[in-house]
Structure formats: C-alpha cells, structure tokens
mmCIF file of all heavy atoms, coordinates in Angstrom:
data_MODEL
# 
_entry.id   MODEL 
# 
loop_
_atom_site.group_PDB 
_atom_site.id 
_atom_site.type_symbol 
_atom_site.label_atom_id 
_atom_site.label_alt_id 
_atom_site.label_comp_id 
_atom_site.label_asym_id 
_atom_site.label_entity_id 
_atom_site.label_seq_id 
_atom_site.pdbx_PDB_ins_code 
_atom_site.Cartn_x 
_atom_site.Cartn_y 
_atom_site.Cartn_z 
_atom_site.occupancy 
_atom_site.B_iso_or_equiv 
_atom_site.pdbx_formal_charge 
_atom_site.auth_seq_id 
_atom_site.auth_comp_id 
_atom_site.auth_asym_id 
_atom_site.auth_atom_id 
_atom_site.pdbx_PDB_model_num 
ATOM 1   N N   . THR A 1 1  ? 144.398 106.267 114.376 1.00 0.00 ? 1  THR A N   1 
ATOM 2   C CA  . THR A 1 1  ? 143.958 106.002 113.000 1.00 0.00 ? 1  THR A CA  1 
ATOM 3   C C   . THR A 1 1  ? 143.692 107.300 112.261 1.00 0.00 ? 1  THR A C   1 
ATOM 4   O O   . THR A 1 1  ? 144.103 107.470 111.102 1.00 0.00 ? 1  THR A O   1 
ATOM 5   C CB  . THR A 1 1  ? 142.700 105.125 112.995 1.00 0.00 ? 1  THR A CB  1 
ATOM 6   O OG1 . THR A 1 1  ? 143.006 103.865 113.597 1.00 0.00 ? 1  THR A OG1 1 
ATOM 7   C CG2 . THR A 1 1  ? 142.199 104.902 111.576 1.00 0.00 ? 1  THR A CG2 1 
ATOM 8   N N   . GLU A 1 2  ? 142.998 108.253 112.921 1.00 0.00 ? 2  GLU A N   1 
ATOM 9   C CA  . GLU A 1 2  ? 142.706 109.524 112.253 1.00 0.00 ? 2  GLU A CA  1 
ATOM 10  C C   . GLU A 1 2  ? 143.994 110.279 111.945 1.00 0.00 ? 2  GLU A C   1 
ATOM 11  O O   . GLU A 1 2  ? 144.124 110.888 110.872 1.00 0.00 ? 2  GLU A O   1 
ATOM 12  C CB  . GLU A 1 2  ? 141.772 110.377 113.115 1.00 0.00 ? 2  GLU A CB  1 
ATOM 13  C CG  . GLU A 1 2  ? 140.345 109.856 113.154 1.00 0.00 ? 2  GLU A CG  1 
ATOM 14  C CD  . GLU A 1 2  ? 139.365 110.876 113.706 1.00 0.00 ? 2  GLU A CD  1 
ATOM 15  O OE1 . GLU A 1 2  ? 139.703 112.076 113.745 1.00 0.00 ? 2  GLU A OE1 1 
ATOM 16  O OE2 . GLU A 1 2  ? 138.259 110.470 114.096 1.00 0.00 ? 2  GLU A OE2 1 
ATOM 17  N N   . MET A 1 3  ? 144.948 110.250 112.862 1.00 0.00 ? 3  MET A N   1 
ATOM 18  C CA  . MET A 1 3  ? 146.234 110.893 112.608 1.00 0.00 ? 3  MET A CA  1 
ATOM 19  C C   . MET A 1 3  ? 146.922 110.254 111.413 1.00 0.00 ? 3  MET A C   1 
ATOM 20  O O   . MET A 1 3  ? 147.397 110.962 110.514 1.00 0.00 ? 3  MET A O   1 
ATOM 21  C CB  . MET A 1 3  ? 147.136 110.778 113.838 1.00 0.00 ? 3  MET A CB  1 
ATOM 22  C CG  . MET A 1 3  ? 148.548 111.331 113.623 1.00 0.00 ? 3  MET A CG  1 
ATOM 23  S SD  . MET A 1 3  ? 149.749 110.781 114.868 1.00 0.00 ? 3  MET A SD  1 
ATOM 24  C CE  . MET A 1 3  ? 149.903 109.039 114.393 1.00 0.00 ? 3  MET A CE  1 
ATOM 25  N N   . ARG A 1 4  ? 147.013 108.935 111.415 1.00 0.00 ? 4  ARG A N   1 
ATOM 26  C CA  . ARG A 1 4  ? 147.703 108.228 110.334 1.00 0.00 ? 4  ARG A CA  1 
ATOM 27  C C   . ARG A 1 4  ? 147.050 108.520 108.987 1.00 0.00 ? 4  ARG A C   1 
ATOM 28  O O   . ARG A 1 4  ? 147.733 108.774 107.984 1.00 0.00 ? 4  ARG A O   1 
ATOM 29  C CB  . ARG A 1 4  ? 147.697 106.723 110.603 1.00 0.00 ? 4  ARG A CB  1 
ATOM 30  C CG  . ARG A 1 4  ? 148.348 105.898 109.502 1.00 0.00 ? 4  ARG A CG  1 
ATOM 31  C CD  . ARG A 1 4  ? 148.177 104.408 109.727 1.00 0.00 ? 4  ARG A CD  1 
ATOM 32  N NE  . ARG A 1 4  ? 146.776 104.003 109.757 1.00 0.00 ? 4  ARG A NE  1 
ATOM 33  C CZ  . ARG A 1 4  ? 146.014 103.836 108.668 1.00 0.00 ? 4  ARG A CZ  1 
ATOM 34  N NH1 . ARG A 1 4  ? 146.518 104.068 107.456 1.00 0.00 ? 4  ARG A NH1 1 
ATOM 35  N NH2 . ARG A 1 4  ? 144.762 103.462 108.779 1.00 0.00 ? 4  ARG A NH2 1 
ATOM 36  N N   . GLU A 1 5  ? 145.733 108.507 108.945 1.00 0.00 ? 5  GLU A N   1 
ATOM 37  C CA  . GLU A 1 5  ? 145.038 108.731 107.675 1.00 0.00 ? 5  GLU A CA  1 
ATOM 38  C C   . GLU A 1 5  ? 145.232 110.157 107.175 1.00 0.00 ? 5  GLU A C   1 
ATOM 39  O O   . GLU A 1 5  ? 145.367 110.379 105.963 1.00 0.00 ? 5  GLU A O   1 
ATOM 40  C CB  . GLU A 1 5  ? 143.557 108.385 107.822 1.00 0.00 ? 5  GLU A CB  1 
ATOM 41  C CG  . GLU A 1 5  ? 143.316 106.893 107.991 1.00 0.00 ? 5  GLU A CG  1 
ATOM 42  C CD  . GLU A 1 5  ? 141.847 106.534 108.032 1.00 0.00 ? 5  GLU A CD  1 
ATOM 43  O OE1 . GLU A 1 5  ? 140.996 107.452 108.158 1.00 0.00 ? 5  GLU A OE1 1 
ATOM 44  O OE2 . GLU A 1 5  ? 141.531 105.326 107.941 1.00 0.00 ? 5  GLU A OE2 1 
ATOM 45  N N   . TRP A 1 6  ? 145.237 111.121 108.074 1.00 0.00 ? 6  TRP A N   1 
ATOM 46  C CA  . TRP A 1 6  ? 145.463 112.513 107.651 1.00 0.00 ? 6  TRP A CA  1 
ATOM 47  C C   . TRP A 1 6  ? 146.870 112.663 107.077 1.00 0.00 ? 6  TRP A C   1 
ATOM 48  O O   . TRP A 1 6  ? 147.067 113.275 106.026 1.00 0.00 ? 6  TRP A O   1 
ATOM 49  C CB  . TRP A 1 6  ? 145.256 113.468 108.823 1.00 0.00 ? 6  TRP A CB  1 
ATOM 50  C CG  . TRP A 1 6  ? 145.116 114.921 108.436 1.00 0.00 ? 6  TRP A CG  1 
ATOM 51  C CD1 . TRP A 1 6  ? 144.922 115.433 107.180 1.00 0.00 ? 6  TRP A CD1 1 
ATOM 52  C CD2 . TRP A 1 6  ? 145.131 116.045 109.329 1.00 0.00 ? 6  TRP A CD2 1 
ATOM 53  N NE1 . TRP A 1 6  ? 144.822 116.805 107.231 1.00 0.00 ? 6  TRP A NE1 1 
ATOM 54  C CE2 . TRP A 1 6  ? 144.943 117.206 108.531 1.00 0.00 ? 6  TRP A CE2 1 
ATOM 55  C CE3 . TRP A 1 6  ? 145.275 116.175 110.706 1.00 0.00 ? 6  TRP A CE3 1 
ATOM 56  C CZ2 . TRP A 1 6  ? 144.913 118.486 109.095 1.00 0.00 ? 6  TRP A CZ2 1 
ATOM 57  C CZ3 . TRP A 1 6  ? 145.233 117.460 111.263 1.00 0.00 ? 6  TRP A CZ3 1 
ATOM 58  C CH2 . TRP A 1 6  ? 145.056 118.598 110.461 1.00 0.00 ? 6  TRP A CH2 1 
ATOM 59  N N   . ILE A 1 7  ? 147.850 112.082 107.762 1.00 0.00 ? 7  ILE A N   1 
ATOM 60  C CA  . ILE A 1 7  ? 149.227 112.162 107.275 1.00 0.00 ? 7  ILE A CA  1 
ATOM 61  C C   . ILE A 1 7  ? 149.364 111.483 105.917 1.00 0.00 ? 7  ILE A C   1 
ATOM 62  O O   . ILE A 1 7  ? 150.012 112.011 105.005 1.00 0.00 ? 7  ILE A O   1 
ATOM 63  C CB  . ILE A 1 7  ? 150.199 111.546 108.302 1.00 0.00 ? 7  ILE A CB  1 
ATOM 64  C CG1 . ILE A 1 7  ? 150.255 112.418 109.564 1.00 0.00 ? 7  ILE A CG1 1 
ATOM 65  C CG2 . ILE A 1 7  ? 151.596 111.402 107.708 1.00 0.00 ? 7  ILE A CG2 1 
ATOM 66  C CD1 . ILE A 1 7  ? 151.048 111.813 110.704 1.00 0.00 ? 7  ILE A CD1 1 
ATOM 67  N N   . GLU A 1 8  ? 148.745 110.329 105.760 1.00 0.00 ? 8  GLU A N   1 
ATOM 68  C CA  . GLU A 1 8  ? 148.829 109.629 104.474 1.00 0.00 ? 8  GLU A CA  1 
ATOM 69  C C   . GLU A 1 8  ? 148.113 110.414 103.382 1.00 0.00 ? 8  GLU A C   1 
ATOM 70  O O   . GLU A 1 8  ? 148.583 110.476 102.237 1.00 0.00 ? 8  GLU A O   1 
ATOM 71  C CB  . GLU A 1 8  ? 148.251 108.224 104.613 1.00 0.00 ? 8  GLU A CB  1 
ATOM 72  C CG  . GLU A 1 8  ? 149.145 107.298 105.429 1.00 0.00 ? 8  GLU A CG  1 
ATOM 73  C CD  . GLU A 1 8  ? 148.593 105.890 105.556 1.00 0.00 ? 8  GLU A CD  1 
ATOM 74  O OE1 . GLU A 1 8  ? 147.652 105.550 104.809 1.00 0.00 ? 8  GLU A OE1 1 
ATOM 75  O OE2 . GLU A 1 8  ? 149.111 105.137 106.390 1.00 0.00 ? 8  GLU A OE2 1 
ATOM 76  N N   . TYR A 1 9  ? 146.979 111.014 103.721 1.00 0.00 ? 9  TYR A N   1 
ATOM 77  C CA  . TYR A 1 9  ? 146.263 111.852 102.757 1.00 0.00 ? 9  TYR A CA  1 
ATOM 78  C C   . TYR A 1 9  ? 147.168 112.989 102.281 1.00 0.00 ? 9  TYR A C   1 
ATOM 79  O O   . TYR A 1 9  ? 147.227 113.304 101.082 1.00 0.00 ? 9  TYR A O   1 
ATOM 80  C CB  . TYR A 1 9  ? 145.000 112.409 103.403 1.00 0.00 ? 9  TYR A CB  1 
ATOM 81  C CG  . TYR A 1 9  ? 144.181 113.337 102.523 1.00 0.00 ? 9  TYR A CG  1 
ATOM 82  C CD1 . TYR A 1 9  ? 143.164 112.828 101.717 1.00 0.00 ? 9  TYR A CD1 1 
ATOM 83  C CD2 . TYR A 1 9  ? 144.414 114.711 102.511 1.00 0.00 ? 9  TYR A CD2 1 
ATOM 84  C CE1 . TYR A 1 9  ? 142.403 113.674 100.911 1.00 0.00 ? 9  TYR A CE1 1 
ATOM 85  C CE2 . TYR A 1 9  ? 143.662 115.563 101.710 1.00 0.00 ? 9  TYR A CE2 1 
ATOM 86  C CZ  . TYR A 1 9  ? 142.661 115.043 100.912 1.00 0.00 ? 9  TYR A CZ  1 
ATOM 87  O OH  . TYR A 1 9  ? 141.917 115.881 100.116 1.00 0.00 ? 9  TYR A OH  1 
ATOM 88  N N   . LEU A 1 10 ? 147.888 113.579 103.194 1.00 0.00 ? 10 LEU A N   1 
ATOM 89  C CA  . LEU A 1 10 ? 148.759 114.704 102.864 1.00 0.00 ? 10 LEU A CA  1 
ATOM 90  C C   . LEU A 1 10 ? 149.996 114.289 102.081 1.00 0.00 ? 10 LEU A C   1 
ATOM 91  O O   . LEU A 1 10 ? 150.408 114.984 101.145 1.00 0.00 ? 10 LEU A O   1 
ATOM 92  C CB  . LEU A 1 10 ? 149.214 115.396 104.155 1.00 0.00 ? 10 LEU A CB  1 
ATOM 93  C CG  . LEU A 1 10 ? 148.199 116.252 104.899 1.00 0.00 ? 10 LEU A CG  1 
ATOM 94  C CD1 . LEU A 1 10 ? 148.632 116.451 106.351 1.00 0.00 ? 10 LEU A CD1 1 
ATOM 95  C CD2 . LEU A 1 10 ? 148.021 117.597 104.205 1.00 0.00 ? 10 LEU A CD2 1 
ATOM 96  N N   . THR A 1 11 ? 150.602 113.166 102.458 1.00 0.00 ? 11 THR A N   1 
ATOM 97  C CA  . THR A 1 11 ? 151.976 112.892 102.013 1.00 0.00 ? 11 THR A CA  1 
ATOM 98  C C   . THR A 1 11 ? 152.164 111.688 101.104 1.00 0.00 ? 11 THR A C   1 
ATOM 99  O O   . THR A 1 11 ? 153.246 111.521 100.539 1.00 0.00 ? 11 THR A O   1 
ATOM 100 C CB  . THR A 1 11 ? 152.883 112.694 103.249 1.00 0.00 ? 11 THR A CB  1 
ATOM 101 O OG1 . THR A 1 11 ? 152.466 111.517 103.966 1.00 0.00 ? 11 THR A OG1 1 
ATOM 102 C CG2 . THR A 1 11 ? 152.845 113.906 104.170 1.00 0.00 ? 11 THR A CG2 1 
ATOM 103 N N   . SER A 1 12 ? 151.165 110.847 100.953 1.00 0.00 ? 12 SER A N   1 
ATOM 104 C CA  . SER A 1 12 ? 151.383 109.618 100.186 1.00 0.00 ? 12 SER A CA  1 
ATOM 105 C C   . SER A 1 12 ? 151.541 109.900 98.688  1.00 0.00 ? 12 SER A C   1 
ATOM 106 O O   . SER A 1 12 ? 150.700 110.571 98.076  1.00 0.00 ? 12 SER A O   1 
ATOM 107 C CB  . SER A 1 12 ? 150.224 108.647 100.380 1.00 0.00 ? 12 SER A CB  1 
ATOM 108 O OG  . SER A 1 12 ? 150.397 107.517 99.542  1.00 0.00 ? 12 SER A OG  1 
ATOM 109 N N   . PRO A 1 13 ? 152.598 109.340 98.051  1.00 0.00 ? 13 PRO A N   1 
ATOM 110 C CA  . PRO A 1 13 ? 152.777 109.517 96.604  1.00 0.00 ? 13 PRO A CA  1 
ATOM 111 C C   . PRO A 1 13 ? 152.188 108.353 95.795  1.00 0.00 ? 13 PRO A C   1 
ATOM 112 O O   . PRO A 1 13 ? 152.279 108.349 94.575  1.00 0.00 ? 13 PRO A O   1 
ATOM 113 C CB  . PRO A 1 13 ? 154.311 109.510 96.472  1.00 0.00 ? 13 PRO A CB  1 
ATOM 114 C CG  . PRO A 1 13 ? 154.751 108.558 97.536  1.00 0.00 ? 13 PRO A CG  1 
ATOM 115 C CD  . PRO A 1 13 ? 153.774 108.717 98.684  1.00 0.00 ? 13 PRO A CD  1 
ATOM 116 N N   . GLY A 1 14 ? 151.602 107.394 96.494  1.00 0.00 ? 14 GLY A N   1 
ATOM 117 C CA  . GLY A 1 14 ? 151.227 106.138 95.850  1.00 0.00 ? 14 GLY A CA  1 
ATOM 118 C C   . GLY A 1 14 ? 149.853 106.130 95.202  1.00 0.00 ? 14 GLY A C   1 
ATOM 119 O O   . GLY A 1 14 ? 149.268 107.174 94.905  1.00 0.00 ? 14 GLY A O   1 
ATOM 120 N N   . GLU A 1 15 ? 149.332 104.911 95.038  1.00 0.00 ? 15 GLU A N   1 
ATOM 121 C CA  . GLU A 1 15 ? 148.019 104.708 94.425  1.00 0.00 ? 15 GLU A CA  1 
ATOM 122 C C   . GLU A 1 15 ? 147.006 104.219 95.451  1.00 0.00 ? 15 GLU A C   1 
ATOM 123 O O   . GLU A 1 15 ? 145.989 103.619 95.085  1.00 0.00 ? 15 GLU A O   1 
ATOM 124 C CB  . GLU A 1 15 ? 148.146 103.696 93.274  1.00 0.00 ? 15 GLU A CB  1 
ATOM 125 C CG  . GLU A 1 15 ? 148.964 104.206 92.094  1.00 0.00 ? 15 GLU A CG  1 
ATOM 126 C CD  . GLU A 1 15 ? 148.386 105.473 91.490  1.00 0.00 ? 15 GLU A CD  1 
ATOM 127 O OE1 . GLU A 1 15 ? 147.146 105.549 91.328  1.00 0.00 ? 15 GLU A OE1 1 
ATOM 128 O OE2 . GLU A 1 15 ? 149.165 106.402 91.199  1.00 0.00 ? 15 GLU A OE2 1 
ATOM 129 N N   . ASP A 1 16 ? 147.309 104.439 96.720  1.00 0.00 ? 16 ASP A N   1 
ATOM 130 C CA  . ASP A 1 16 ? 146.373 104.044 97.772  1.00 0.00 ? 16 ASP A CA  1 
ATOM 131 C C   . ASP A 1 16 ? 145.147 104.954 97.750  1.00 0.00 ? 16 ASP A C   1 
ATOM 132 O O   . ASP A 1 16 ? 145.152 106.027 97.143  1.00 0.00 ? 16 ASP A O   1 
ATOM 133 C CB  . ASP A 1 16 ? 147.064 104.106 99.133  1.00 0.00 ? 16 ASP A CB  1 
ATOM 134 C CG  . ASP A 1 16 ? 147.749 105.434 99.381  1.00 0.00 ? 16 ASP A CG  1 
ATOM 135 O OD1 . ASP A 1 16 ? 148.920 105.599 98.951  1.00 0.00 ? 16 ASP A OD1 1 
ATOM 136 O OD2 . ASP A 1 16 ? 147.108 106.317 99.971  1.00 0.00 ? 16 ASP A OD2 1 
ATOM 137 N N   . THR A 1 17 ? 144.115 104.518 98.421  1.00 0.00 ? 17 THR A N   1 
ATOM 138 C CA  . THR A 1 17 ? 142.839 105.223 98.377  1.00 0.00 ? 17 THR A CA  1 
ATOM 139 C C   . THR A 1 17 ? 142.938 106.661 98.881  1.00 0.00 ? 17 THR A C   1 
ATOM 140 O O   . THR A 1 17 ? 142.335 107.571 98.308  1.00 0.00 ? 17 THR A O   1 
ATOM 141 C CB  . THR A 1 17 ? 141.793 104.448 99.203  1.00 0.00 ? 17 THR A CB  1 
ATOM 142 O OG1 . THR A 1 17 ? 141.605 103.152 98.627  1.00 0.00 ? 17 THR A OG1 1 
ATOM 143 C CG2 . THR A 1 17 ? 140.453 105.181 99.233  1.00 0.00 ? 17 THR A CG2 1 
ATOM 144 N N   . LEU A 1 18 ? 143.720 106.891 99.944  1.00 0.00 ? 18 LEU A N   1 
ATOM 145 C CA  . LEU A 1 18 ? 143.824 108.239 100.491 1.00 0.00 ? 18 LEU A CA  1 
ATOM 146 C C   . LEU A 1 18 ? 144.555 109.166 99.522  1.00 0.00 ? 18 LEU A C   1 
ATOM 147 O O   . LEU A 1 18 ? 144.180 110.336 99.366  1.00 0.00 ? 18 LEU A O   1 
ATOM 148 C CB  . LEU A 1 18 ? 144.540 108.197 101.840 1.00 0.00 ? 18 LEU A CB  1 
ATOM 149 C CG  . LEU A 1 18 ? 143.698 107.630 102.988 1.00 0.00 ? 18 LEU A CG  1 
ATOM 150 C CD1 . LEU A 1 18 ? 144.574 107.295 104.187 1.00 0.00 ? 18 LEU A CD1 1 
ATOM 151 C CD2 . LEU A 1 18 ? 142.609 108.609 103.395 1.00 0.00 ? 18 LEU A CD2 1 
ATOM 152 N N   . ALA A 1 19 ? 145.594 108.677 98.863  1.00 0.00 ? 19 ALA A N   1 
ATOM 153 C CA  . ALA A 1 19 ? 146.297 109.493 97.872  1.00 0.00 ? 19 ALA A CA  1 
ATOM 154 C C   . ALA A 1 19 ? 145.370 109.816 96.699  1.00 0.00 ? 19 ALA A C   1 
ATOM 155 O O   . ALA A 1 19 ? 145.372 110.938 96.165  1.00 0.00 ? 19 ALA A O   1 
ATOM 156 C CB  . ALA A 1 19 ? 147.547 108.784 97.390  1.00 0.00 ? 19 ALA A CB  1 
ATOM 157 N N   . LYS A 1 20 ? 144.575 108.847 96.288  1.00 0.00 ? 20 LYS A N   1 
ATOM 158 C CA  . LYS A 1 20 ? 143.626 109.069 95.194  1.00 0.00 ? 20 LYS A CA  1 
ATOM 159 C C   . LYS A 1 20 ? 142.560 110.083 95.597  1.00 0.00 ? 20 LYS A C   1 
ATOM 160 O O   . LYS A 1 20 ? 142.125 110.902 94.777  1.00 0.00 ? 20 LYS A O   1 
ATOM 161 C CB  . LYS A 1 20 ? 142.991 107.752 94.781  1.00 0.00 ? 20 LYS A CB  1 
ATOM 162 C CG  . LYS A 1 20 ? 143.935 106.799 94.058  1.00 0.00 ? 20 LYS A CG  1 
ATOM 163 C CD  . LYS A 1 20 ? 143.218 105.511 93.681  1.00 0.00 ? 20 LYS A CD  1 
ATOM 164 C CE  . LYS A 1 20 ? 144.146 104.566 92.917  1.00 0.00 ? 20 LYS A CE  1 
ATOM 165 N NZ  . LYS A 1 20 ? 143.475 103.283 92.566  1.00 0.00 ? 20 LYS A NZ  1 
ATOM 166 N N   . GLU A 1 21 ? 142.150 110.034 96.861  1.00 0.00 ? 21 GLU A N   1 
ATOM 167 C CA  . GLU A 1 21 ? 141.154 110.995 97.337  1.00 0.00 ? 21 GLU A CA  1 
ATOM 168 C C   . GLU A 1 21 ? 141.734 112.412 97.310  1.00 0.00 ? 21 GLU A C   1 
ATOM 169 O O   . GLU A 1 21 ? 141.039 113.364 96.934  1.00 0.00 ? 21 GLU A O   1 
ATOM 170 C CB  . GLU A 1 21 ? 140.707 110.624 98.748  1.00 0.00 ? 21 GLU A CB  1 
ATOM 171 C CG  . GLU A 1 21 ? 139.588 111.505 99.278  1.00 0.00 ? 21 GLU A CG  1 
ATOM 172 C CD  . GLU A 1 21 ? 139.105 111.084 100.659 1.00 0.00 ? 21 GLU A CD  1 
ATOM 173 O OE1 . GLU A 1 21 ? 139.766 110.248 101.304 1.00 0.00 ? 21 GLU A OE1 1 
ATOM 174 O OE2 . GLU A 1 21 ? 138.062 111.618 101.094 1.00 0.00 ? 21 GLU A OE2 1 
ATOM 175 N N   . ARG A 1 22 ? 142.987 112.554 97.716  1.00 0.00 ? 22 ARG A N   1 
ATOM 176 C CA  . ARG A 1 22 ? 143.641 113.874 97.657  1.00 0.00 ? 22 ARG A CA  1 
ATOM 177 C C   . ARG A 1 22 ? 143.667 114.377 96.217  1.00 0.00 ? 22 ARG A C   1 
ATOM 178 O O   . ARG A 1 22 ? 143.402 115.552 95.945  1.00 0.00 ? 22 ARG A O   1 
ATOM 179 C CB  . ARG A 1 22 ? 145.061 113.767 98.212  1.00 0.00 ? 22 ARG A CB  1 
ATOM 180 C CG  . ARG A 1 22 ? 145.801 115.112 98.238  1.00 0.00 ? 22 ARG A CG  1 
ATOM 181 C CD  . ARG A 1 22 ? 147.282 114.954 98.514  1.00 0.00 ? 22 ARG A CD  1 
ATOM 182 N NE  . ARG A 1 22 ? 147.981 114.316 97.399  1.00 0.00 ? 22 ARG A NE  1 
ATOM 183 C CZ  . ARG A 1 22 ? 148.667 113.189 97.490  1.00 0.00 ? 22 ARG A CZ  1 
ATOM 184 N NH1 . ARG A 1 22 ? 148.766 112.547 98.645  1.00 0.00 ? 22 ARG A NH1 1 
ATOM 185 N NH2 . ARG A 1 22 ? 149.258 112.672 96.420  1.00 0.00 ? 22 ARG A NH2 1 
ATOM 186 N N   . ARG A 1 23 ? 144.004 113.492 95.299  1.00 0.00 ? 23 ARG A N   1 
ATOM 187 C CA  . ARG A 1 23 ? 144.053 113.904 93.885  1.00 0.00 ? 23 ARG A CA  1 
ATOM 188 C C   . ARG A 1 23 ? 142.671 114.299 93.389  1.00 0.00 ? 23 ARG A C   1 
ATOM 189 O O   . ARG A 1 23 ? 142.516 115.283 92.649  1.00 0.00 ? 23 ARG A O   1 
ATOM 190 C CB  . ARG A 1 23 ? 144.629 112.775 93.035  1.00 0.00 ? 23 ARG A CB  1 
ATOM 191 C CG  . ARG A 1 23 ? 146.089 112.460 93.349  1.00 0.00 ? 23 ARG A CG  1 
ATOM 192 C CD  . ARG A 1 23 ? 146.688 111.446 92.368  1.00 0.00 ? 23 ARG A CD  1 
ATOM 193 N NE  . ARG A 1 23 ? 148.029 111.082 92.790  1.00 0.00 ? 23 ARG A NE  1 
ATOM 194 C CZ  . ARG A 1 23 ? 148.363 109.954 93.383  1.00 0.00 ? 23 ARG A CZ  1 
ATOM 195 N NH1 . ARG A 1 23 ? 147.415 109.034 93.632  1.00 0.00 ? 23 ARG A NH1 1 
ATOM 196 N NH2 . ARG A 1 23 ? 149.610 109.702 93.740  1.00 0.00 ? 23 ARG A NH2 1 
ATOM 197 N N   . ALA A 1 24 ? 141.667 113.550 93.803  1.00 0.00 ? 24 ALA A N   1 
ATOM 198 C CA  . ALA A 1 24 ? 140.299 113.880 93.395  1.00 0.00 ? 24 ALA A CA  1 
ATOM 199 C C   . ALA A 1 24 ? 139.875 115.241 93.935  1.00 0.00 ? 24 ALA A C   1 
ATOM 200 O O   . ALA A 1 24 ? 139.040 115.930 93.339  1.00 0.00 ? 24 ALA A O   1 
ATOM 201 C CB  . ALA A 1 24 ? 139.335 112.796 93.882  1.00 0.00 ? 24 ALA A CB  1 
ATOM 202 N N   . ASN A 1 25 ? 140.486 115.654 95.039  1.00 0.00 ? 25 ASN A N   1 
ATOM 203 C CA  . ASN A 1 25 ? 140.174 116.958 95.646  1.00 0.00 ? 25 ASN A CA  1 
ATOM 204 C C   . ASN A 1 25 ? 141.076 118.072 95.131  1.00 0.00 ? 25 ASN A C   1 
ATOM 205 O O   . ASN A 1 25 ? 141.051 119.186 95.659  1.00 0.00 ? 25 ASN A O   1 
ATOM 206 C CB  . ASN A 1 25 ? 140.267 116.862 97.170  1.00 0.00 ? 25 ASN A CB  1 
ATOM 207 C CG  . ASN A 1 25 ? 139.096 116.094 97.773  1.00 0.00 ? 25 ASN A CG  1 
ATOM 208 O OD1 . ASN A 1 25 ? 137.996 116.076 97.222  1.00 0.00 ? 25 ASN A OD1 1 
ATOM 209 N ND2 . ASN A 1 25 ? 139.329 115.452 98.909  1.00 0.00 ? 25 ASN A ND2 1 
ATOM 210 N N   . GLY A 1 26 ? 141.880 117.751 94.082  1.00 0.00 ? 26 GLY A N   1 
ATOM 211 C CA  . GLY A 1 26 ? 142.581 118.819 93.384  1.00 0.00 ? 26 GLY A CA  1 
ATOM 212 C C   . GLY A 1 26 ? 144.080 118.899 93.571  1.00 0.00 ? 26 GLY A C   1 
ATOM 213 O O   . GLY A 1 26 ? 144.726 119.788 93.010  1.00 0.00 ? 26 GLY A O   1 
ATOM 214 N N   . ARG A 1 27 ? 144.670 117.960 94.335  1.00 0.00 ? 27 ARG A N   1 
ATOM 215 C CA  . ARG A 1 27 ? 146.112 118.028 94.560  1.00 0.00 ? 27 ARG A CA  1 
ATOM 216 C C   . ARG A 1 27 ? 146.758 116.708 94.123  1.00 0.00 ? 27 ARG A C   1 
ATOM 217 O O   . ARG A 1 27 ? 146.591 115.684 94.767  1.00 0.00 ? 27 ARG A O   1 
ATOM 218 C CB  . ARG A 1 27 ? 146.423 118.275 96.029  1.00 0.00 ? 27 ARG A CB  1 
ATOM 219 C CG  . ARG A 1 27 ? 147.917 118.229 96.381  1.00 0.00 ? 27 ARG A CG  1 
ATOM 220 C CD  . ARG A 1 27 ? 148.664 119.433 95.847  1.00 0.00 ? 27 ARG A CD  1 
ATOM 221 N NE  . ARG A 1 27 ? 150.082 119.383 96.252  1.00 0.00 ? 27 ARG A NE  1 
ATOM 222 C CZ  . ARG A 1 27 ? 150.858 120.448 96.357  1.00 0.00 ? 27 ARG A CZ  1 
ATOM 223 N NH1 . ARG A 1 27 ? 150.351 121.650 96.104  1.00 0.00 ? 27 ARG A NH1 1 
ATOM 224 N NH2 . ARG A 1 27 ? 152.121 120.330 96.713  1.00 0.00 ? 27 ARG A NH2 1 
ATOM 225 N N   . ASP A 1 28 ? 147.504 116.771 93.033  1.00 0.00 ? 28 ASP A N   1 
ATOM 226 C CA  . ASP A 1 28 ? 148.157 115.569 92.508  1.00 0.00 ? 28 ASP A CA  1 
ATOM 227 C C   . ASP A 1 28 ? 149.352 115.166 93.365  1.00 0.00 ? 28 ASP A C   1 
ATOM 228 O O   . ASP A 1 28 ? 149.382 114.091 93.967  1.00 0.00 ? 28 ASP A O   1 
ATOM 229 C CB  . ASP A 1 28 ? 148.582 115.798 91.065  1.00 0.00 ? 28 ASP A CB  1 
ATOM 230 C CG  . ASP A 1 28 ? 149.224 114.552 90.437  1.00 0.00 ? 28 ASP A CG  1 
ATOM 231 O OD1 . ASP A 1 28 ? 148.982 113.445 90.959  1.00 0.00 ? 28 ASP A OD1 1 
ATOM 232 O OD2 . ASP A 1 28 ? 149.958 114.700 89.447  1.00 0.00 ? 28 ASP A OD2 1 
ATOM 233 N N   . LYS A 1 29 ? 150.357 116.042 93.442  1.00 0.00 ? 29 LYS A N   1 
ATOM 234 C CA  . LYS A 1 29 ? 151.567 115.708 94.173  1.00 0.00 ? 29 LYS A CA  1 
ATOM 235 C C   . LYS A 1 29 ? 151.326 115.773 95.685  1.00 0.00 ? 29 LYS A C   1 
ATOM 236 O O   . LYS A 1 29 ? 150.500 116.546 96.157  1.00 0.00 ? 29 LYS A O   1 
ATOM 237 C CB  . LYS A 1 29 ? 152.689 116.683 93.802  1.00 0.00 ? 29 LYS A CB  1 
ATOM 238 C CG  . LYS A 1 29 ? 153.138 116.571 92.361  1.00 0.00 ? 29 LYS A CG  1 
ATOM 239 C CD  . LYS A 1 29 ? 154.273 117.565 92.081  1.00 0.00 ? 29 LYS A CD  1 
ATOM 240 C CE  . LYS A 1 29 ? 154.743 117.458 90.641  1.00 0.00 ? 29 LYS A CE  1 
ATOM 241 N NZ  . LYS A 1 29 ? 155.848 118.430 90.342  1.00 0.00 ? 29 LYS A NZ  1 
# 
C-alpha cells in the first residue's frame, strides 16, 4: 500500500486525493 501510494503521489495526472496532495505541496504536473 505504501509503495502504491507513493507511486500514485508521484505520477498520477488525475483528480484523486494523492494527486491533489502533490499539487498542494507545490507540484502540479
């Protein structure tokens, strides 16, 4: 689970929570 979430945080282009968290931390793409 931790691996999957880290990968999704890094690479997801969508509107899922992890992608939104990455954007909130300063990285849009």
